PDB file of N, CA and C in Angstrom:
ATOM      1  N   MET A   1      19.592  22.472  -4.874  1.00  0.00           N
ATOM      2  CA  MET A   1      18.785  21.564  -4.090  1.00  0.00           C
ATOM      3  C   MET A   1      18.105  22.372  -3.015  1.00  0.00           C
ATOM      4  N   SER A   2      16.815  22.150  -2.850  1.00  0.00           N
ATOM      5  CA  SER A   2      16.117  22.801  -1.750  1.00  0.00           C
ATOM      6  C   SER A   2      15.154  21.817  -1.116  1.00  0.00           C
ATOM      7  N   LEU A   3      14.877  22.049   0.144  1.00  0.00           N
ATOM      8  CA  LEU A   3      13.919  21.239   0.885  1.00  0.00           C
ATOM      9  C   LEU A   3      12.819  22.146   1.394  1.00  0.00           C
ATOM     10  N   LEU A   4      11.594  21.711   1.228  1.00  0.00           N
ATOM     11  CA  LEU A   4      10.464  22.482   1.706  1.00  0.00           C
ATOM     12  C   LEU A   4       9.738  21.664   2.758  1.00  0.00           C
ATOM     13  N   TYR A   5       9.759  22.130   3.986  1.00  0.00           N
ATOM     14  CA  TYR A   5       9.071  21.442   5.081  1.00  0.00           C
ATOM     15  C   TYR A   5       8.075  22.392   5.715  1.00  0.00           C
ATOM     16  N   PRO A   6       6.858  21.900   5.974  1.00  0.00           N
ATOM     17  CA  PRO A   6       5.838  22.780   6.537  1.00  0.00           C
ATOM     18  C   PRO A   6       6.124  23.188   7.978  1.00  0.00           C
ATOM     19  N   ASN A   7       6.848  22.370   8.732  1.00  0.00           N
ATOM     20  CA  ASN A   7       7.173  22.706  10.126  1.00  0.00           C
ATOM     21  C   ASN A   7       8.348  21.852  10.585  1.00  0.00           C
ATOM     22  N   ALA A   8       8.668  21.936  11.842  1.00  0.00           N
ATOM     23  CA  ALA A   8       9.832  21.225  12.373  1.00  0.00           C
ATOM     24  C   ALA A   8       9.498  19.827  12.888  1.00  0.00           C
ATOM     25  N   ASN A   9       8.294  19.352  12.692  1.00  0.00           N
ATOM     26  CA  ASN A   9       7.869  18.040  13.168  1.00  0.00           C
ATOM     27  C   ASN A   9       8.551  16.955  12.339  1.00  0.00           C
ATOM     28  N   GLU A  10       9.345  16.111  12.973  1.00  0.00           N
ATOM     29  CA  GLU A  10      10.075  15.070  12.249  1.00  0.00           C
ATOM     30  C   GLU A  10       9.171  14.011  11.639  1.00  0.00           C
ATOM     31  N   ASP A  11       7.933  13.914  12.103  1.00  0.00           N
ATOM     32  CA  ASP A  11       7.010  12.932  11.543  1.00  0.00           C
ATOM     33  C   ASP A  11       6.380  13.408  10.243  1.00  0.00           C
ATOM     34  N   ASP A  12       6.470  14.690   9.960  1.00  0.00           N
ATOM     35  CA  ASP A  12       5.936  15.214   8.712  1.00  0.00           C
ATOM     36  C   ASP A  12       6.928  14.961   7.585  1.00  0.00           C
ATOM     37  N   SER A  13       6.394  14.813   6.394  1.00  0.00           N
ATOM     38  CA  SER A  13       7.270  14.667   5.236  1.00  0.00           C
ATOM     39  C   SER A  13       7.307  15.999   4.499  1.00  0.00           C
ATOM     40  N   GLY A  14       8.268  16.132   3.622  1.00  0.00           N
ATOM     41  CA  GLY A  14       8.423  17.378   2.880  1.00  0.00           C
ATOM     42  C   GLY A  14       8.726  17.122   1.425  1.00  0.00           C
ATOM     43  N   ARG A  15       9.109  18.155   0.752  1.00  0.00           N
ATOM     44  CA  ARG A  15       9.406  18.100  -0.675  1.00  0.00           C
ATOM     45  C   ARG A  15      10.865  18.484  -0.891  1.00  0.00           C
ATOM     46  N   ALA A  16      11.556  17.712  -1.706  1.00  0.00           N
ATOM     47  CA  ALA A  16      12.929  18.035  -2.105  1.00  0.00           C
ATOM     48  C   ALA A  16      12.911  18.381  -3.586  1.00  0.00           C
ATOM     49  N   LEU A  17      13.628  19.430  -3.966  1.00  0.00           N
ATOM     50  CA  LEU A  17      13.696  19.858  -5.360  1.00  0.00           C
ATOM     51  C   LEU A  17      15.148  19.952  -5.809  1.00  0.00           C
ATOM     52  N   VAL A  18      15.436  19.360  -6.950  1.00  0.00           N
ATOM     53  CA  VAL A  18      16.728  19.527  -7.606  1.00  0.00           C
ATOM     54  C   VAL A  18      16.429  20.380  -8.825  1.00  0.00           C
ATOM     55  N   GLN A  19      16.942  21.598  -8.840  1.00  0.00           N
ATOM     56  CA  GLN A  19      16.660  22.495  -9.953  1.00  0.00           C
ATOM     57  C   GLN A  19      17.952  23.028 -10.545  1.00  0.00           C
ATOM     58  N   TRP A  20      17.910  23.279 -11.846  1.00  0.00           N
ATOM     59  CA  TRP A  20      19.032  23.881 -12.535  1.00  0.00           C
ATOM     60  C   TRP A  20      18.839  25.389 -12.523  1.00  0.00           C
ATOM     61  N   ARG A  21      19.882  26.098 -12.858  1.00  0.00           N
ATOM     62  CA  ARG A  21      19.776  27.556 -12.945  1.00  0.00           C
ATOM     63  C   ARG A  21      18.769  27.927 -14.030  1.00  0.00           C
ATOM     64  N   PRO A  22      18.032  29.004 -13.831  1.00  0.00           N
ATOM     65  CA  PRO A  22      17.092  29.444 -14.866  1.00  0.00           C
ATOM     66  C   PRO A  22      17.839  29.793 -16.153  1.00  0.00           C
ATOM     67  N   VAL A  23      17.175  29.554 -17.262  1.00  0.00           N
ATOM     68  CA  VAL A  23      17.700  29.920 -18.575  1.00  0.00           C
ATOM     69  C   VAL A  23      16.690  30.862 -19.226  1.00  0.00           C
ATOM     70  N   ALA A  24      17.140  31.616 -20.202  1.00  0.00           N
ATOM     71  CA  ALA A  24      16.238  32.524 -20.906  1.00  0.00           C
ATOM     72  C   ALA A  24      15.055  31.741 -21.469  1.00  0.00           C
ATOM     73  N   LYS A  25      13.894  32.370 -21.497  1.00  0.00           N
ATOM     74  CA  LYS A  25      12.681  31.710 -22.000  1.00  0.00           C
ATOM     75  C   LYS A  25      12.953  31.175 -23.407  1.00  0.00           C
ATOM     76  N   PRO A  26      12.838  29.849 -23.575  1.00  0.00           N
ATOM     77  CA  PRO A  26      13.166  29.241 -24.867  1.00  0.00           C
ATOM     78  C   PRO A  26      11.976  29.278 -25.837  1.00  0.00           C
ATOM     79  N   PRO A  27      12.249  29.038 -27.125  1.00  0.00           N
ATOM     80  CA  PRO A  27      11.153  28.927 -28.091  1.00  0.00           C
ATOM     81  C   PRO A  27      10.307  27.678 -27.797  1.00  0.00           C
ATOM     82  N   GLN A  28       9.128  27.626 -28.373  1.00  0.00           N
ATOM     83  CA  GLN A  28       8.177  26.551 -28.098  1.00  0.00           C
ATOM     84  C   GLN A  28       8.763  25.155 -28.326  1.00  0.00           C
ATOM     85  N   ALA A  29       9.482  24.954 -29.414  1.00  0.00           N
ATOM     86  CA  ALA A  29      10.041  23.629 -29.712  1.00  0.00           C
ATOM     87  C   ALA A  29      11.015  23.180 -28.608  1.00  0.00           C
ATOM     88  N   THR A  30      11.822  24.091 -28.113  1.00  0.00           N
ATOM     89  CA  THR A  30      12.761  23.765 -27.038  1.00  0.00           C
ATOM     90  C   THR A  30      12.014  23.468 -25.746  1.00  0.00           C
ATOM     91  N   ARG A  31      10.930  24.194 -25.509  1.00  0.00           N
ATOM     92  CA  ARG A  31      10.128  23.938 -24.314  1.00  0.00           C
ATOM     93  C   ARG A  31       9.559  22.531 -24.340  1.00  0.00           C
ATOM     94  N   VAL A  32       9.057  22.119 -25.493  1.00  0.00           N
ATOM     95  CA  VAL A  32       8.491  20.772 -25.617  1.00  0.00           C
ATOM     96  C   VAL A  32       9.578  19.723 -25.380  1.00  0.00           C
ATOM     97  N   LEU A  33      10.746  19.920 -25.973  1.00  0.00           N
ATOM     98  CA  LEU A  33      11.851  18.973 -25.773  1.00  0.00           C
ATOM     99  C   LEU A  33      12.285  18.937 -24.311  1.00  0.00           C
ATOM    100  N   GLY A  34      12.314  20.085 -23.650  1.00  0.00           N
ATOM    101  CA  GLY A  34      12.664  20.140 -22.237  1.00  0.00           C
ATOM    102  C   GLY A  34      11.667  19.374 -21.387  1.00  0.00           C
ATOM    103  N   GLU A  35      10.382  19.533 -21.687  1.00  0.00           N
ATOM    104  CA  GLU A  35       9.350  18.807 -20.945  1.00  0.00           C
ATOM    105  C   GLU A  35       9.465  17.302 -21.164  1.00  0.00           C
ATOM    106  N   ILE A  36       9.743  16.896 -22.396  1.00  0.00           N
ATOM    107  CA  ILE A  36       9.908  15.467 -22.699  1.00  0.00           C
ATOM    108  C   ILE A  36      11.115  14.905 -21.953  1.00  0.00           C
ATOM    109  N   LEU A  37      12.230  15.626 -21.980  1.00  0.00           N
ATOM    110  CA  LEU A  37      13.436  15.167 -21.291  1.00  0.00           C
ATOM    111  C   LEU A  37      13.198  15.015 -19.796  1.00  0.00           C
ATOM    112  N   MET A  38      12.630  16.028 -19.160  1.00  0.00           N
ATOM    113  CA  MET A  38      12.431  15.977 -17.711  1.00  0.00           C
ATOM    114  C   MET A  38      11.438  14.890 -17.332  1.00  0.00           C
ATOM    115  N   SER A  39      10.433  14.675 -18.158  1.00  0.00           N
ATOM    116  CA  SER A  39       9.469  13.610 -17.900  1.00  0.00           C
ATOM    117  C   SER A  39      10.133  12.239 -18.042  1.00  0.00           C
ATOM    118  N   ALA A  40      10.949  12.068 -19.082  1.00  0.00           N
ATOM    119  CA  ALA A  40      11.644  10.793 -19.292  1.00  0.00           C
ATOM    120  C   ALA A  40      12.613  10.501 -18.153  1.00  0.00           C
ATOM    121  N   LEU A  41      13.227  11.527 -17.608  1.00  0.00           N
ATOM    122  CA  LEU A  41      14.159  11.345 -16.502  1.00  0.00           C
ATOM    123  C   LEU A  41      13.466  10.988 -15.195  1.00  0.00           C
ATOM    124  N   ALA A  42      12.303  11.619 -14.920  1.00  0.00           N
ATOM    125  CA  ALA A  42      11.816  11.542 -13.548  1.00  0.00           C
ATOM    126  C   ALA A  42      10.322  11.313 -13.329  1.00  0.00           C
ATOM    127  N   THR A  43       9.519  11.167 -14.357  1.00  0.00           N
ATOM    128  CA  THR A  43       8.085  11.024 -14.131  1.00  0.00           C
ATOM    129  C   THR A  43       7.620   9.595 -14.386  1.00  0.00           C
ATOM    130  N   GLY A  44       7.082   8.970 -13.352  1.00  0.00           N
ATOM    131  CA  GLY A  44       6.525   7.626 -13.486  1.00  0.00           C
ATOM    132  C   GLY A  44       7.545   6.524 -13.277  1.00  0.00           C
ATOM    133  N   ASP A  45       7.033   5.292 -13.209  1.00  0.00           N
ATOM    134  CA  ASP A  45       7.925   4.166 -12.915  1.00  0.00           C
ATOM    135  C   ASP A  45       8.742   3.697 -14.114  1.00  0.00           C
ATOM    136  N   SER A  46       8.534   4.309 -15.288  1.00  0.00           N
ATOM    137  CA  SER A  46       9.380   3.989 -16.441  1.00  0.00           C
ATOM    138  C   SER A  46      10.476   5.042 -16.631  1.00  0.00           C
ATOM    139  N   ALA A  47      10.531   6.038 -15.756  1.00  0.00           N
ATOM    140  CA  ALA A  47      11.554   7.084 -15.841  1.00  0.00           C
ATOM    141  C   ALA A  47      12.937   6.485 -15.610  1.00  0.00           C
ATOM    142  N   THR A  48      13.940   7.082 -16.238  1.00  0.00           N
ATOM    143  CA  THR A  48      15.293   6.541 -16.108  1.00  0.00           C
ATOM    144  C   THR A  48      15.829   6.628 -14.681  1.00  0.00           C
ATOM    145  N   LEU A  49      15.358   7.591 -13.896  1.00  0.00           N
ATOM    146  CA  LEU A  49      15.803   7.711 -12.509  1.00  0.00           C
ATOM    147  C   LEU A  49      15.006   6.846 -11.540  1.00  0.00           C
ATOM    148  N   TYR A  50      13.919   6.234 -11.989  1.00  0.00           N
ATOM    149  CA  TYR A  50      13.053   5.490 -11.073  1.00  0.00           C
ATOM    150  C   TYR A  50      13.812   4.372 -10.350  1.00  0.00           C
ATOM    151  N   LYS A  51      14.503   3.518 -11.105  1.00  0.00           N
ATOM    152  CA  LYS A  51      15.220   2.404 -10.473  1.00  0.00           C
ATOM    153  C   LYS A  51      16.360   2.896  -9.590  1.00  0.00           C
ATOM    154  N   ARG A  52      16.962   3.999  -9.952  1.00  0.00           N
ATOM    155  CA  ARG A  52      18.113   4.509  -9.193  1.00  0.00           C
ATOM    156  C   ARG A  52      17.705   5.229  -7.909  1.00  0.00           C
ATOM    157  N   LEU A  53      16.461   5.750  -7.858  1.00  0.00           N
ATOM    158  CA  LEU A  53      16.080   6.552  -6.700  1.00  0.00           C
ATOM    159  C   LEU A  53      14.787   6.137  -6.006  1.00  0.00           C
ATOM    160  N   MET A  54      13.904   5.411  -6.683  1.00  0.00           N
ATOM    161  CA  MET A  54      12.597   5.136  -6.096  1.00  0.00           C
ATOM    162  C   MET A  54      12.351   3.651  -5.801  1.00  0.00           C
ATOM    163  N   ASP A  55      12.793   2.761  -6.676  1.00  0.00           N
ATOM    164  CA  ASP A  55      12.556   1.322  -6.515  1.00  0.00           C
ATOM    165  C   ASP A  55      13.314   0.810  -5.284  1.00  0.00           C
ATOM    166  N   ARG A  56      12.615   0.288  -4.311  1.00  0.00           N
ATOM    167  CA  ARG A  56      13.250  -0.134  -3.055  1.00  0.00           C
ATOM    168  C   ARG A  56      14.299  -1.236  -3.267  1.00  0.00           C
ATOM    169  N   ALA A  57      14.171  -2.029  -4.327  1.00  0.00           N
ATOM    170  CA  ALA A  57      15.116  -3.122  -4.559  1.00  0.00           C
ATOM    171  C   ALA A  57      16.407  -2.656  -5.233  1.00  0.00           C
ATOM    172  N   THR A  58      16.359  -1.547  -6.001  1.00  0.00           N
ATOM    173  CA  THR A  58      17.517  -1.158  -6.793  1.00  0.00           C
ATOM    174  C   THR A  58      18.020   0.259  -6.520  1.00  0.00           C
ATOM    175  N   ARG A  59      17.357   0.995  -5.677  1.00  0.00           N
ATOM    176  CA  ARG A  59      17.712   2.409  -5.480  1.00  0.00           C
ATOM    177  C   ARG A  59      19.108   2.563  -4.879  1.00  0.00           C
ATOM    178  N   GLU A  60      19.749   3.647  -5.248  1.00  0.00           N
ATOM    179  CA  GLU A  60      21.093   3.946  -4.782  1.00  0.00           C
ATOM    180  C   GLU A  60      21.087   4.885  -3.578  1.00  0.00           C
ATOM    181  N   VAL A  61      19.996   5.620  -3.416  1.00  0.00           N
ATOM    182  CA  VAL A  61      19.878   6.575  -2.308  1.00  0.00           C
ATOM    183  C   VAL A  61      18.529   6.332  -1.636  1.00  0.00           C
ATOM    184  N   PRO A  62      18.518   5.928  -0.374  1.00  0.00           N
ATOM    185  CA  PRO A  62      17.248   5.652   0.306  1.00  0.00           C
ATOM    186  C   PRO A  62      16.544   6.935   0.775  1.00  0.00           C
ATOM    187  N   MET A  63      15.889   7.615  -0.161  1.00  0.00           N
ATOM    188  CA  MET A  63      15.171   8.844   0.189  1.00  0.00           C
ATOM    189  C   MET A  63      13.785   8.530   0.757  1.00  0.00           C
ATOM    190  N   ASP A  64      13.208   7.385   0.379  1.00  0.00           N
ATOM    191  CA  ASP A  64      11.869   6.993   0.808  1.00  0.00           C
ATOM    192  C   ASP A  64      10.815   8.020   0.424  1.00  0.00           C
ATOM    193  N   ALA A  65      10.997   8.675  -0.705  1.00  0.00           N
ATOM    194  CA  ALA A  65      10.013   9.639  -1.196  1.00  0.00           C
ATOM    195  C   ALA A  65       8.765   8.905  -1.672  1.00  0.00           C
ATOM    196  N   ALA A  66       7.628   9.554  -1.544  1.00  0.00           N
ATOM    197  CA  ALA A  66       6.367   8.975  -2.000  1.00  0.00           C
ATOM    198  C   ALA A  66       6.197   9.119  -3.507  1.00  0.00           C
ATOM    199  N   ALA A  67       6.773  10.158  -4.089  1.00  0.00           N
ATOM    200  CA  ALA A  67       6.620  10.404  -5.525  1.00  0.00           C
ATOM    201  C   ALA A  67       7.806  11.204  -6.051  1.00  0.00           C
ATOM    202  N   MET A  68       8.053  11.051  -7.360  1.00  0.00           N
ATOM    203  CA  MET A  68       9.111  11.790  -8.048  1.00  0.00           C
ATOM    204  C   MET A  68       8.534  12.295  -9.364  1.00  0.00           C
ATOM    205  N   TRP A  69       8.932  13.485  -9.777  1.00  0.00           N
ATOM    206  CA  TRP A  69       8.461  14.011 -11.048  1.00  0.00           C
ATOM    207  C   TRP A  69       9.502  14.942 -11.654  1.00  0.00           C
ATOM    208  N   GLY A  70       9.422  15.107 -12.960  1.00  0.00           N
ATOM    209  CA  GLY A  70      10.281  16.047 -13.667  1.00  0.00           C
ATOM    210  C   GLY A  70       9.449  17.203 -14.175  1.00  0.00           C
ATOM    211  N   SER A  71      10.051  18.380 -14.245  1.00  0.00           N
ATOM    212  CA  SER A  71       9.316  19.539 -14.739  1.00  0.00           C
ATOM    213  C   SER A  71      10.246  20.463 -15.510  1.00  0.00           C
ATOM    214  N   PHE A  72       9.659  21.217 -16.405  1.00  0.00           N
ATOM    215  CA  PHE A  72      10.361  22.259 -17.156  1.00  0.00           C
ATOM    216  C   PHE A  72       9.457  23.476 -17.088  1.00  0.00           C
ATOM    217  N   ASP A  73       9.578  24.196 -15.984  1.00  0.00           N
ATOM    218  CA  ASP A  73       8.678  25.316 -15.711  1.00  0.00           C
ATOM    219  C   ASP A  73       9.115  26.560 -16.473  1.00  0.00           C
ATOM    220  N   VAL A  74       8.170  27.100 -17.249  1.00  0.00           N
ATOM    221  CA  VAL A  74       8.443  28.285 -18.055  1.00  0.00           C
ATOM    222  C   VAL A  74       7.507  29.403 -17.614  1.00  0.00           C
ATOM    223  N   ASN A  75       8.074  30.594 -17.415  1.00  0.00           N
ATOM    224  CA  ASN A  75       7.250  31.761 -17.107  1.00  0.00           C
ATOM    225  C   ASN A  75       7.520  32.835 -18.162  1.00  0.00           C
ATOM    226  N   LYS A  76       7.143  34.054 -17.906  1.00  0.00           N
ATOM    227  CA  LYS A  76       7.302  35.130 -18.898  1.00  0.00           C
ATOM    228  C   LYS A  76       8.758  35.496 -19.156  1.00  0.00           C
ATOM    229  N   VAL A  77       9.638  35.156 -18.227  1.00  0.00           N
ATOM    230  CA  VAL A  77      11.030  35.586 -18.323  1.00  0.00           C
ATOM    231  C   VAL A  77      12.002  34.449 -18.602  1.00  0.00           C
ATOM    232  N   ASP A  78      11.815  33.318 -17.916  1.00  0.00           N
ATOM    233  CA  ASP A  78      12.808  32.265 -18.011  1.00  0.00           C
ATOM    234  C   ASP A  78      12.184  30.874 -17.884  1.00  0.00           C
ATOM    235  N   ALA A  79      13.057  29.872 -17.888  1.00  0.00           N
ATOM    236  CA  ALA A  79      12.635  28.477 -17.734  1.00  0.00           C
ATOM    237  C   ALA A  79      13.543  27.829 -16.693  1.00  0.00           C
ATOM    238  N   VAL A  80      12.942  26.952 -15.877  1.00  0.00           N
ATOM    239  CA  VAL A  80      13.698  26.263 -14.835  1.00  0.00           C
ATOM    240  C   VAL A  80      13.404  24.770 -14.895  1.00  0.00           C
ATOM    241  N   PRO A  81      14.374  23.975 -15.355  1.00  0.00           N
ATOM    242  CA  PRO A  81      14.196  22.525 -15.306  1.00  0.00           C
ATOM    243  C   PRO A  81      14.422  22.025 -13.886  1.00  0.00           C
ATOM    244  N   GLY A  82      13.684  20.992 -13.511  1.00  0.00           N
ATOM    245  CA  GLY A  82      13.869  20.459 -12.168  1.00  0.00           C
ATOM    246  C   GLY A  82      13.286  19.078 -11.980  1.00  0.00           C
ATOM    247  N   ILE A  83      13.696  18.450 -10.896  1.00  0.00           N
ATOM    248  CA  ILE A  83      13.182  17.139 -10.502  1.00  0.00           C
ATOM    249  C   ILE A  83      12.736  17.273  -9.059  1.00  0.00           C
ATOM    250  N   GLY A  84      11.513  16.833  -8.782  1.00  0.00           N
ATOM    251  CA  GLY A  84      10.961  16.974  -7.446  1.00  0.00           C
ATOM    252  C   GLY A  84      10.643  15.638  -6.810  1.00  0.00           C
ATOM    253  N   PHE A  85      10.676  15.641  -5.485  1.00  0.00           N
ATOM    254  CA  PHE A  85      10.376  14.455  -4.684  1.00  0.00           C
ATOM    255  C   PHE A  85       9.390  14.869  -3.608  1.00  0.00           C
ATOM    256  N   ASP A  86       8.221  14.260  -3.600  1.00  0.00           N
ATOM    257  CA  ASP A  86       7.221  14.525  -2.565  1.00  0.00           C
ATOM    258  C   ASP A  86       7.286  13.444  -1.501  1.00  0.00           C
ATOM    259  N   GLY A  87       6.904  13.815  -0.294  1.00  0.00           N
ATOM    260  CA  GLY A  87       6.817  12.850   0.793  1.00  0.00           C
ATOM    261  C   GLY A  87       8.144  12.363   1.309  1.00  0.00           C
ATOM    262  N   VAL A  88       9.158  13.214   1.301  1.00  0.00           N
ATOM    263  CA  VAL A  88      10.474  12.839   1.818  1.00  0.00           C
ATOM    264  C   VAL A  88      10.442  12.943   3.344  1.00  0.00           C
ATOM    265  N   PRO A  89      10.677  11.829   4.061  1.00  0.00           N
ATOM    266  CA  PRO A  89      10.690  11.892   5.522  1.00  0.00           C
ATOM    267  C   PRO A  89      11.826  12.796   6.025  1.00  0.00           C
ATOM    268  N   ALA A  90      11.563  13.501   7.096  1.00  0.00           N
ATOM    269  CA  ALA A  90      12.567  14.411   7.655  1.00  0.00           C
ATOM    270  C   ALA A  90      13.871  13.683   7.980  1.00  0.00           C
ATOM    271  N   ARG A  91      13.793  12.423   8.400  1.00  0.00           N
ATOM    272  CA  ARG A  91      15.008  11.673   8.768  1.00  0.00           C
ATOM    273  C   ARG A  91      15.948  11.480   7.576  1.00  0.00           C
ATOM    274  N   ASN A  92      15.406  11.589   6.355  1.00  0.00           N
ATOM    275  CA  ASN A  92      16.230  11.406   5.158  1.00  0.00           C
ATOM    276  C   ASN A  92      16.687  12.720   4.547  1.00  0.00           C
ATOM    277  N   ALA A  93      16.396  13.815   5.199  1.00  0.00           N
ATOM    278  CA  ALA A  93      16.751  15.126   4.671  1.00  0.00           C
ATOM    279  C   ALA A  93      18.088  15.603   5.229  1.00  0.00           C
ATOM    280  N   THR A  94      19.050  14.707   5.264  1.00  0.00           N
ATOM    281  CA  THR A  94      20.377  15.079   5.754  1.00  0.00           C
ATOM    282  C   THR A  94      21.205  15.655   4.609  1.00  0.00           C
ATOM    283  N   ARG A  95      22.204  16.427   4.969  1.00  0.00           N
ATOM    284  CA  ARG A  95      23.085  17.028   3.958  1.00  0.00           C
ATOM    285  C   ARG A  95      23.752  15.938   3.108  1.00  0.00           C
ATOM    286  N   GLU A  96      24.209  14.880   3.764  1.00  0.00           N
ATOM    287  CA  GLU A  96      24.877  13.782   3.049  1.00  0.00           C
ATOM    288  C   GLU A  96      23.918  13.095   2.072  1.00  0.00           C
ATOM    289  N   ARG A  97      22.715  12.809   2.520  1.00  0.00           N
ATOM    290  CA  ARG A  97      21.729  12.134   1.672  1.00  0.00           C
ATOM    291  C   ARG A  97      21.371  12.999   0.462  1.00  0.00           C
ATOM    292  N   LEU A  98      21.247  14.294   0.675  1.00  0.00           N
ATOM    293  CA  LEU A  98      20.914  15.195  -0.430  1.00  0.00           C
ATOM    294  C   LEU A  98      22.069  15.324  -1.416  1.00  0.00           C
ATOM    295  N   ARG A  99      23.298  15.255  -0.920  1.00  0.00           N
ATOM    296  CA  ARG A  99      24.457  15.239  -1.830  1.00  0.00           C
ATOM    297  C   ARG A  99      24.438  13.985  -2.689  1.00  0.00           C
ATOM    298  N   GLU A 100      24.123  12.839  -2.073  1.00  0.00           N
ATOM    299  CA  GLU A 100      24.033  11.583  -2.826  1.00  0.00           C
ATOM    300  C   GLU A 100      22.945  11.676  -3.892  1.00  0.00           C
ATOM    301  N   LEU A 101      21.809  12.223  -3.521  1.00  0.00           N
ATOM    302  CA  LEU A 101      20.695  12.387  -4.458  1.00  0.00           C
ATOM    303  C   LEU A 101      21.122  13.251  -5.643  1.00  0.00           C
ATOM    304  N   THR A 102      21.763  14.361  -5.353  1.00  0.00           N
ATOM    305  CA  THR A 102      22.223  15.267  -6.412  1.00  0.00           C
ATOM    306  C   THR A 102      23.242  14.577  -7.307  1.00  0.00           C
ATOM    307  N   ARG A 103      24.143  13.783  -6.719  1.00  0.00           N
ATOM    308  CA  ARG A 103      25.148  13.048  -7.501  1.00  0.00           C
ATOM    309  C   ARG A 103      24.484  12.086  -8.481  1.00  0.00           C
ATOM    310  N   VAL A 104      23.479  11.338  -8.012  1.00  0.00           N
ATOM    311  CA  VAL A 104      22.794  10.378  -8.874  1.00  0.00           C
ATOM    312  C   VAL A 104      22.059  11.101 -10.006  1.00  0.00           C
ATOM    313  N   VAL A 105      21.404  12.208  -9.688  1.00  0.00           N
ATOM    314  CA  VAL A 105      20.692  12.971 -10.725  1.00  0.00           C
ATOM    315  C   VAL A 105      21.678  13.480 -11.768  1.00  0.00           C
ATOM    316  N   ARG A 106      22.785  14.068 -11.333  1.00  0.00           N
ATOM    317  CA  ARG A 106      23.788  14.568 -12.290  1.00  0.00           C
ATOM    318  C   ARG A 106      24.362  13.442 -13.135  1.00  0.00           C
ATOM    319  N   ASP A 107      24.643  12.304 -12.500  1.00  0.00           N
ATOM    320  CA  ASP A 107      25.171  11.149 -13.217  1.00  0.00           C
ATOM    321  C   ASP A 107      24.188  10.660 -14.283  1.00  0.00           C
ATOM    322  N   GLU A 108      22.912  10.624 -13.941  1.00  0.00           N
ATOM    323  CA  GLU A 108      21.906  10.149 -14.895  1.00  0.00           C
ATOM    324  C   GLU A 108      21.718  11.129 -16.043  1.00  0.00           C
ATOM    325  N   VAL A 109      21.732  12.412 -15.756  1.00  0.00           N
ATOM    326  CA  VAL A 109      21.626  13.415 -16.826  1.00  0.00           C
ATOM    327  C   VAL A 109      22.812  13.278 -17.776  1.00  0.00           C
ATOM    328  N   ALA A 110      24.014  13.099 -17.234  1.00  0.00           N
ATOM    329  CA  ALA A 110      25.204  12.917 -18.076  1.00  0.00           C
ATOM    330  C   ALA A 110      25.087  11.639 -18.903  1.00  0.00           C
ATOM    331  N   ARG A 111      24.577  10.564 -18.290  1.00  0.00           N
ATOM    332  CA  ARG A 111      24.433   9.297 -19.011  1.00  0.00           C
ATOM    333  C   ARG A 111      23.447   9.430 -20.165  1.00  0.00           C
ATOM    334  N   VAL A 112      22.325  10.060 -19.909  1.00  0.00           N
ATOM    335  CA  VAL A 112      21.301  10.225 -20.941  1.00  0.00           C
ATOM    336  C   VAL A 112      21.791  11.160 -22.048  1.00  0.00           C
ATOM    337  N   ALA A 113      22.603  12.147 -21.705  1.00  0.00           N
ATOM    338  CA  ALA A 113      23.079  13.121 -22.675  1.00  0.00           C
ATOM    339  C   ALA A 113      24.231  12.605 -23.533  1.00  0.00           C
ATOM    340  N   THR A 114      24.828  11.479 -23.159  1.00  0.00           N
ATOM    341  CA  THR A 114      25.943  10.913 -23.903  1.00  0.00           C
ATOM    342  C   THR A 114      25.410  10.119 -25.084  1.00  0.00           C
ATOM    343  N   PRO A 115      25.877  10.434 -26.290  1.00  0.00           N
ATOM    344  CA  PRO A 115      25.409   9.699 -27.473  1.00  0.00           C
ATOM    345  C   PRO A 115      25.727   8.196 -27.358  1.00  0.00           C
ATOM    346  N   ALA A 116      24.791   7.398 -27.801  1.00  0.00           N
ATOM    347  CA  ALA A 116      24.975   5.946 -27.782  1.00  0.00           C
ATOM    348  C   ALA A 116      26.042   5.549 -28.793  1.00  0.00           C
ATOM    349  N   THR A 117      26.741   4.481 -28.504  1.00  0.00           N
ATOM    350  CA  THR A 117      27.779   3.994 -29.418  1.00  0.00           C
ATOM    351  C   THR A 117      27.366   2.655 -30.009  1.00  0.00           C
ATOM    352  N   THR A 118      26.082   2.524 -30.293  1.00  0.00           N
ATOM    353  CA  THR A 118      25.573   1.255 -30.804  1.00  0.00           C
ATOM    354  C   THR A 118      25.732   1.112 -32.303  1.00  0.00           C
ATOM    355  N   GLY A 119      26.141   2.206 -32.971  1.00  0.00           N
ATOM    356  CA  GLY A 119      26.260   2.144 -34.414  1.00  0.00           C
ATOM    357  C   GLY A 119      24.935   2.413 -35.105  1.00  0.00           C
ATOM    358  N   PHE A 120      23.909   2.788 -34.378  1.00  0.00           N
ATOM    359  CA  PHE A 120      22.600   3.083 -34.959  1.00  0.00           C
ATOM    360  C   PHE A 120      22.716   4.299 -35.854  1.00  0.00           C
ATOM    361  N   ASP A 121      22.249   4.183 -37.071  1.00  0.00           N
ATOM    362  CA  ASP A 121      22.257   5.304 -38.022  1.00  0.00           C
ATOM    363  C   ASP A 121      20.841   5.488 -38.529  1.00  0.00           C
ATOM    364  N   PRO A 122      20.148   6.551 -38.109  1.00  0.00           N
ATOM    365  CA  PRO A 122      18.751   6.741 -38.480  1.00  0.00           C
ATOM    366  C   PRO A 122      18.545   7.081 -39.956  1.00  0.00           C
ATOM    367  N   ILE A 123      19.610   7.347 -40.688  1.00  0.00           N
ATOM    368  CA  ILE A 123      19.448   7.716 -42.117  1.00  0.00           C
ATOM    369  C   ILE A 123      19.866   6.571 -43.001  1.00  0.00           C
TER     370      ILE A 123
END
C-alpha cells in the first residue's frame, strides 16, 4: 500500500495504491487475463469492489475516493497488478483506514478466486 500526496496540505487529495509484488513478465495470454481480472475487480461501477469501497450506501471503508481502477502494468522485466484510488482526502489516509482498505481488497480477491459451488458444469 502506498499513498501519493503532492504536499502536506490537508485540503488536497491524493492517490492510494494497493499493489502486489512484481512477477516475471508473463506471456500475452496471461497479461490479457490479468487485465481482465483487475478491471473486473476495480474498474467502473460494475466492479466487484465498487459496492464494498465506493458506493456511499454499502461501502465498508469510508475512503471517499473520487475514482477507483484496476491495472496490470507490464514493462520489459515484470508485471505489477494493482488497484488505485484517486482523490483520497488526507483525513482518510490514516494507517487504520488503509489497513481496512487492504483487508477488503484481499477478502474480495480471495472471494473471486474461490471456485463457485453452484454445480455449474460448462461441458
